[in-house]
Protein backbone atom coordinates (compact mmCIF):
# COMPACT_ATOMS: atom_id res chain seq x y z
CA MET A 1 79.07 80.21 39.02
CA ILE A 2 80.00 82.03 42.22
CA ILE A 3 83.40 81.26 43.73
CA THR A 4 83.98 81.18 47.49
CA LEU A 5 87.32 81.25 49.27
CA THR A 6 87.71 79.92 52.81
CA LEU A 7 91.32 80.16 53.96
CA ASN A 8 90.55 78.72 57.40
CA PRO A 9 87.67 76.23 57.05
CA ALA A 10 86.50 74.08 59.93
CA VAL A 11 84.48 71.11 60.93
CA ASP A 12 81.70 72.67 63.00
CA LYS A 13 80.80 70.33 65.84
CA THR A 14 77.55 71.39 67.54
CA VAL A 15 76.60 69.85 70.87
CA LYS A 16 73.45 70.35 72.92
CA ILE A 17 73.60 70.29 76.72
CA SER A 18 70.64 70.69 79.08
CA LYS A 19 72.48 73.18 81.29
CA PHE A 20 76.08 74.04 80.44
CA THR A 21 78.12 74.57 83.62
CA LEU A 22 81.77 75.60 83.81
CA GLY A 23 84.15 73.62 85.99
CA THR A 24 82.17 70.39 86.11
CA LEU A 25 81.05 67.43 83.99
CA ASN A 26 78.52 68.22 81.25
CA ARG A 27 76.70 65.44 79.41
CA ILE A 28 75.84 65.94 75.76
CA LYS A 29 72.23 65.35 74.69
CA ALA A 30 72.80 65.61 70.93
CA VAL A 31 75.68 66.21 68.53
CA ARG A 32 76.10 67.00 64.83
CA LYS A 33 79.02 67.77 62.51
CA ASP A 34 79.00 70.11 59.51
CA ALA A 35 81.50 71.45 57.02
CA GLY A 36 82.04 75.07 58.05
CA GLY A 37 83.90 78.31 57.56
CA LYS A 38 82.43 81.49 56.08
CA GLY A 39 83.06 80.77 52.40
CA ILE A 40 81.94 77.16 52.69
CA ASN A 41 78.78 78.24 54.50
CA VAL A 42 78.12 80.74 51.72
CA SER A 43 78.50 77.98 49.11
CA LYS A 44 76.02 75.82 51.03
CA VAL A 45 73.49 78.65 51.09
CA ILE A 46 73.89 79.35 47.37
CA SER A 47 73.46 75.67 46.56
CA GLU A 48 70.38 75.37 48.79
CA LEU A 49 68.80 78.33 47.00
CA GLY A 50 69.40 76.85 43.56
CA GLY A 51 72.65 78.53 42.50
CA GLU A 52 75.96 77.09 41.34
CA THR A 53 79.12 77.69 43.31
CA LYS A 54 82.68 76.44 43.59
CA ALA A 55 84.57 76.37 46.90
CA PHE A 56 88.29 77.04 47.27
CA GLY A 57 90.36 76.91 50.43
CA PHE A 58 92.90 74.96 52.48
CA ILE A 59 92.08 71.52 53.89
CA GLY A 60 94.15 68.83 55.59
CA GLY A 61 93.86 65.53 57.45
CA SER A 62 90.69 63.62 58.24
CA SER A 63 88.82 66.83 59.05
CA GLY A 64 89.62 68.16 55.61
CA GLY A 65 88.47 64.90 54.09
CA PHE A 66 85.16 65.25 55.93
CA ILE A 67 84.68 68.71 54.41
CA LYS A 68 85.36 67.48 50.86
CA GLU A 69 82.99 64.56 51.31
CA SER A 70 80.28 66.79 52.79
CA LEU A 71 80.39 69.24 49.89
CA SER A 72 80.43 66.45 47.32
CA LYS A 73 77.27 65.02 48.87
CA LEU A 74 75.66 68.45 48.44
CA SER A 75 76.80 68.54 44.78
CA ILE A 76 78.95 71.60 45.48
CA TYR A 77 82.00 71.89 43.22
CA HIS A 78 85.30 72.34 45.03
CA ASN A 79 89.01 72.76 44.36
CA PHE A 80 90.73 72.68 47.72
CA THR A 81 94.46 73.00 48.31
CA LEU A 82 95.78 70.15 50.47
CA VAL A 83 98.01 71.19 53.37
CA LYS A 84 100.17 69.22 55.78
CA ASP A 85 98.35 70.13 59.01
CA ASP A 86 94.82 69.09 59.95
CA THR A 87 91.83 71.34 59.33
CA ARG A 88 90.52 72.76 62.60
CA THR A 89 87.41 71.73 64.50
CA ASN A 90 85.20 74.43 66.02
CA LEU A 91 82.96 73.54 68.94
CA LYS A 92 79.54 75.16 69.34
CA ILE A 93 77.83 74.49 72.67
CA ILE A 94 74.08 75.07 72.85
CA ASP A 95 72.67 75.39 76.36
CA ILE A 96 69.10 74.11 75.98
CA ASN A 97 67.75 75.44 79.29
CA ASN A 98 69.27 78.92 79.12
CA LYS A 99 69.02 79.21 75.32
CA GLN A 100 72.64 80.34 75.09
CA GLU A 101 75.32 79.56 72.51
CA THR A 102 79.04 79.29 73.28
CA GLU A 103 81.66 78.94 70.55
CA VAL A 104 85.18 77.58 71.03
CA ASN A 105 87.25 77.94 67.85
CA GLU A 106 90.66 76.46 67.06
CA PRO A 107 93.25 78.74 65.38
CA GLY A 108 93.68 76.55 62.30
CA PRO A 109 96.68 74.92 60.57
CA GLN A 110 100.08 76.44 59.85
CA ILE A 111 100.15 77.40 56.18
CA THR A 112 103.40 77.54 54.21
CA ASN A 113 104.20 79.98 51.43
CA ILE A 114 104.28 77.09 48.94
CA GLU A 115 100.74 76.10 49.94
CA LEU A 116 99.55 79.71 49.61
CA CYS A 117 101.10 80.05 46.15
CA LYS A 118 99.41 76.82 45.01
CA LEU A 119 95.98 78.04 46.17
CA GLU A 120 96.54 81.46 44.63
CA LYS A 121 97.42 79.96 41.23
CA ASP A 122 94.43 77.60 41.24
CA LEU A 123 92.09 80.44 42.20
CA LEU A 124 93.34 82.89 39.58
CA ASP A 125 93.30 80.22 36.87
CA SER A 126 89.60 79.62 37.60
CA ILE A 127 88.44 83.23 37.45
CA ASP A 128 86.79 84.86 34.46
CA GLN A 129 85.84 88.48 33.95
CA ASN A 130 82.62 89.47 35.77
CA ASP A 131 82.85 86.52 38.19
CA LEU A 132 81.84 87.11 41.81
CA ILE A 133 84.24 85.88 44.49
CA ILE A 134 83.39 85.78 48.19
CA MET A 135 86.35 85.81 50.56
CA GLY A 136 85.55 85.29 54.21
CA GLY A 137 86.58 84.21 57.66
CA SER A 138 89.71 84.27 59.75
CA LEU A 139 93.24 83.62 58.52
CA PRO A 140 95.02 80.39 59.47
CA GLN A 141 98.42 80.51 61.11
CA GLY A 142 101.36 81.48 58.91
CA LEU A 143 99.52 83.88 56.59
CA PRO A 144 100.24 87.64 56.70
CA GLN A 145 97.46 89.98 57.73
CA ASN A 146 97.32 91.50 54.23
CA THR A 147 96.60 88.15 52.53
CA TYR A 148 93.05 89.11 51.60
CA ALA A 149 94.21 92.50 50.33
CA SER A 150 96.76 90.88 48.00
CA LEU A 151 94.23 88.36 46.70
CA ILE A 152 91.57 91.04 46.18
CA GLU A 153 93.95 93.13 44.08
CA GLU A 154 94.87 90.17 41.89
CA VAL A 155 91.30 88.93 41.49
CA GLN A 156 89.83 92.34 40.71
CA SER A 157 92.62 93.08 38.21
CA LYS A 158 91.09 90.26 36.15
CA GLY A 159 87.73 92.04 36.07
CA ALA A 160 86.05 90.01 38.83
CA LYS A 161 84.26 91.46 41.86
CA VAL A 162 85.10 90.56 45.47
CA ILE A 163 82.84 90.44 48.50
CA LEU A 164 84.88 90.52 51.70
CA ASP A 165 83.52 89.27 55.03
CA THR A 166 86.21 89.15 57.70
CA SER A 167 87.23 91.09 60.82
CA ASN A 168 90.05 92.74 62.76
CA LYS A 169 93.41 93.27 61.01
CA PRO A 170 92.56 91.21 57.88
CA LEU A 171 89.53 93.48 57.38
CA ILE A 172 91.53 96.66 57.96
CA GLU A 173 94.12 95.54 55.40
CA GLY A 174 91.51 94.13 53.01
CA LEU A 175 89.66 97.45 52.83
CA LYS A 176 92.78 99.03 51.30
CA ALA A 177 92.26 96.87 48.20
CA LYS A 178 88.73 98.30 47.73
CA PRO A 179 86.59 95.17 47.44
CA TYR A 180 83.24 95.52 45.69
CA LEU A 181 81.19 94.82 48.84
CA VAL A 182 81.93 94.47 52.54
CA LYS A 183 79.64 93.22 55.33
CA PRO A 184 80.91 94.23 58.77
CA ASN A 185 78.66 93.70 61.76
CA LEU A 186 78.31 96.43 64.37
CA ASP A 187 81.10 95.09 66.61
CA GLU A 188 83.48 94.89 63.64
CA LEU A 189 82.57 98.41 62.55
CA GLU A 190 83.19 99.75 66.07
CA THR A 191 86.57 97.99 66.11
CA LEU A 192 87.45 99.49 62.72
CA PHE A 193 86.80 103.03 63.92
CA ASN A 194 87.78 102.40 67.55
CA LYS A 195 84.65 104.03 68.99
CA ARG A 196 81.17 103.24 70.20
CA LEU A 197 78.49 103.55 67.54
CA ASP A 198 75.36 103.81 69.66
CA SER A 199 73.02 105.48 67.18
CA ILE A 200 71.89 105.01 63.59
CA ASP A 201 73.46 108.36 62.67
CA LYS A 202 76.87 107.26 63.97
CA ILE A 203 76.60 103.90 62.20
CA VAL A 204 75.68 105.60 58.92
CA GLU A 205 78.51 108.11 59.28
CA SER A 206 81.06 105.32 59.72
CA GLY A 207 79.58 103.29 56.89
CA LYS A 208 79.83 106.30 54.59
CA LYS A 209 83.53 106.54 55.33
CA LEU A 210 83.97 103.00 54.02
CA TYR A 211 81.90 103.81 50.95
CA GLN A 212 83.99 106.92 50.29
CA GLN A 213 87.12 104.75 50.27
CA GLY A 214 85.89 103.22 47.01
CA ILE A 215 83.80 100.29 48.21
CA LYS A 216 80.66 100.11 46.06
CA ILE A 217 78.30 98.52 48.59
CA VAL A 218 78.59 98.60 52.39
CA VAL A 219 76.24 96.30 54.31
CA ILE A 220 76.35 96.77 58.08
CA SER A 221 74.71 93.87 59.88
CA LEU A 222 72.74 94.79 63.01
CA GLY A 223 71.65 91.27 63.97
CA GLY A 224 67.97 91.02 64.72
CA GLU A 225 67.54 94.72 63.90
CA GLY A 226 68.39 94.10 60.25
CA SER A 227 71.06 96.07 58.39
CA ILE A 228 72.16 99.46 57.12
CA VAL A 229 73.13 99.53 53.44
CA ILE A 230 75.12 102.30 51.78
CA SER A 231 75.58 102.43 48.01
CA LYS A 232 75.27 104.83 45.07
CA GLU A 233 71.50 104.42 45.43
CA GLY A 234 71.52 105.97 48.89
CA VAL A 235 71.34 104.87 52.52
CA TRP A 236 68.75 102.26 53.48
CA LYS A 237 67.62 100.57 56.68
CA ILE A 238 66.51 96.99 56.09
CA ARG A 239 64.10 95.53 58.64
CA PRO A 240 63.76 91.73 58.78
CA PRO A 241 60.48 89.87 59.38
CA LYS A 242 59.66 88.87 62.93
CA VAL A 243 60.46 85.17 63.42
CA LYS A 244 61.04 82.80 66.32
CA VAL A 245 64.80 82.60 66.78
CA ALA A 246 66.29 79.16 67.35
CA SER A 247 69.94 80.02 66.63
CA THR A 248 71.80 82.99 65.19
CA ILE A 249 74.65 80.81 63.92
CA GLY A 250 74.99 81.19 60.16
CA ALA A 251 72.72 84.22 59.79
CA GLY A 252 75.51 86.45 58.47
CA ASP A 253 76.80 83.81 56.06
CA THR A 254 73.25 83.30 54.79
CA LEU A 255 72.91 87.03 54.18
CA VAL A 256 76.13 87.09 52.17
CA GLY A 257 75.33 83.92 50.23
CA SER A 258 71.81 84.85 49.23
CA LEU A 259 72.80 88.45 48.44
CA SER A 260 75.67 87.18 46.26
CA LEU A 261 73.32 84.83 44.43
CA LYS A 262 70.84 87.54 43.54
CA LEU A 263 73.47 90.11 42.57
CA ASN A 264 75.12 87.50 40.36
CA GLU A 265 71.75 86.88 38.71
CA GLY A 266 71.64 90.57 37.78
CA VAL A 267 68.70 91.65 39.94
CA ASP A 268 68.76 95.16 41.38
CA LEU A 269 70.22 95.82 44.80
CA LYS A 270 66.88 96.46 46.51
CA GLU A 271 65.41 93.14 45.35
CA ALA A 272 68.61 91.32 46.29
CA LEU A 273 68.50 92.79 49.81
CA LEU A 274 64.86 91.85 50.31
CA TYR A 275 65.65 88.28 49.36
CA ALA A 276 68.85 88.08 51.41
CA THR A 277 67.19 89.46 54.53
CA ALA A 278 64.39 86.91 54.20
CA ALA A 279 66.94 84.11 53.78
CA SER A 280 68.83 85.22 56.89
CA ALA A 281 65.55 85.29 58.84
CA SER A 282 64.82 81.75 57.70
CA THR A 283 68.21 80.57 58.93
CA VAL A 284 67.75 81.94 62.46
CA THR A 285 64.64 79.78 62.85
CA LYS A 286 66.85 76.66 62.47
CA ALA A 287 68.78 75.00 65.28
CA GLY A 288 72.58 74.88 65.31
CA THR A 289 74.30 75.25 61.94
CA GLN A 290 71.29 74.43 59.76
CA ILE A 291 70.53 76.94 57.00
CA CYS A 292 67.55 78.54 55.30
CA SER A 293 64.78 76.79 53.41
CA LYS A 294 64.10 77.97 49.84
CA GLU A 295 60.34 77.74 50.31
CA GLU A 296 60.43 79.67 53.58
CA VAL A 297 62.46 82.43 51.95
CA LYS A 298 59.78 82.93 49.30
CA ASN A 299 57.16 83.38 52.02
CA LEU A 300 59.26 85.73 54.14
CA VAL A 301 60.35 88.14 51.38
CA LYS A 302 57.07 90.05 51.48
CA GLU A 303 57.54 90.75 55.20
CA VAL A 304 60.89 92.54 54.78
CA GLU A 305 60.78 96.34 54.95
CA ILE A 306 63.15 98.93 53.49
CA GLU A 307 63.32 102.46 54.88
CA ILE A 308 65.12 105.11 52.86
CA LEU A 309 67.29 107.11 55.26
CA GLU A 310 69.01 109.29 52.67
């Protein structure tokens, strides 16, 4: 079973508007609600693709109750830590006419040290050697920026492996704990190194610096252009199949979830990347926060290309 940790989950509310206009009344054409947050999204992907996963994180109030109920309906195991404040709601606005997406995210609840200690104990008590733990997303209010770093050190000291997918200061601090795999996108990588990375050579150079810090696998997401992967096996450029894009929401979480599933199954890295890239491509063909289809992934795998750069 793969464990996911979402410290700042959310109810993702997606609304569709014919033409979204600032400063005036906008009428919603359609609306849907989903349990969200990086780790939770990863668990949903793993479950959809036939794997077993258990979700940890903080939840509170009616929004938190919605998340628990949603995961239970999907037969996803969970062990959430209840907190006093309500779980946040994130609004995703889809402009139908202009085919644009706008996200408005709440900061999340205020977490106390007692609540953090409770989650930490439950998480560590559930981990066995060789488990795979995915930690992802922003930090809620009240948690120090090195929270992921501290958790990574404790988890990996038990023989488990951590995949980290976050950004900004939590990523900078988290890298110090040397997680097994990280998946920055290009913007996050540029922020890490505080410079423009406008060529493949520059991207690879920066990715190698992360690898040399002791991270076993570095996956740099390039959106529709695919990804750059750096590991002991070399430097690869992964090219996704050409698909009709409906929404890019969830593509990164799908990549992490499907990659985690295949690595946990013991397949080699190249096969895992082919599968994960196909799964991510399947997700972008879906509207809003919908995720990949297992059957579509099988058909798309053969269209993924891998170029050996080094």
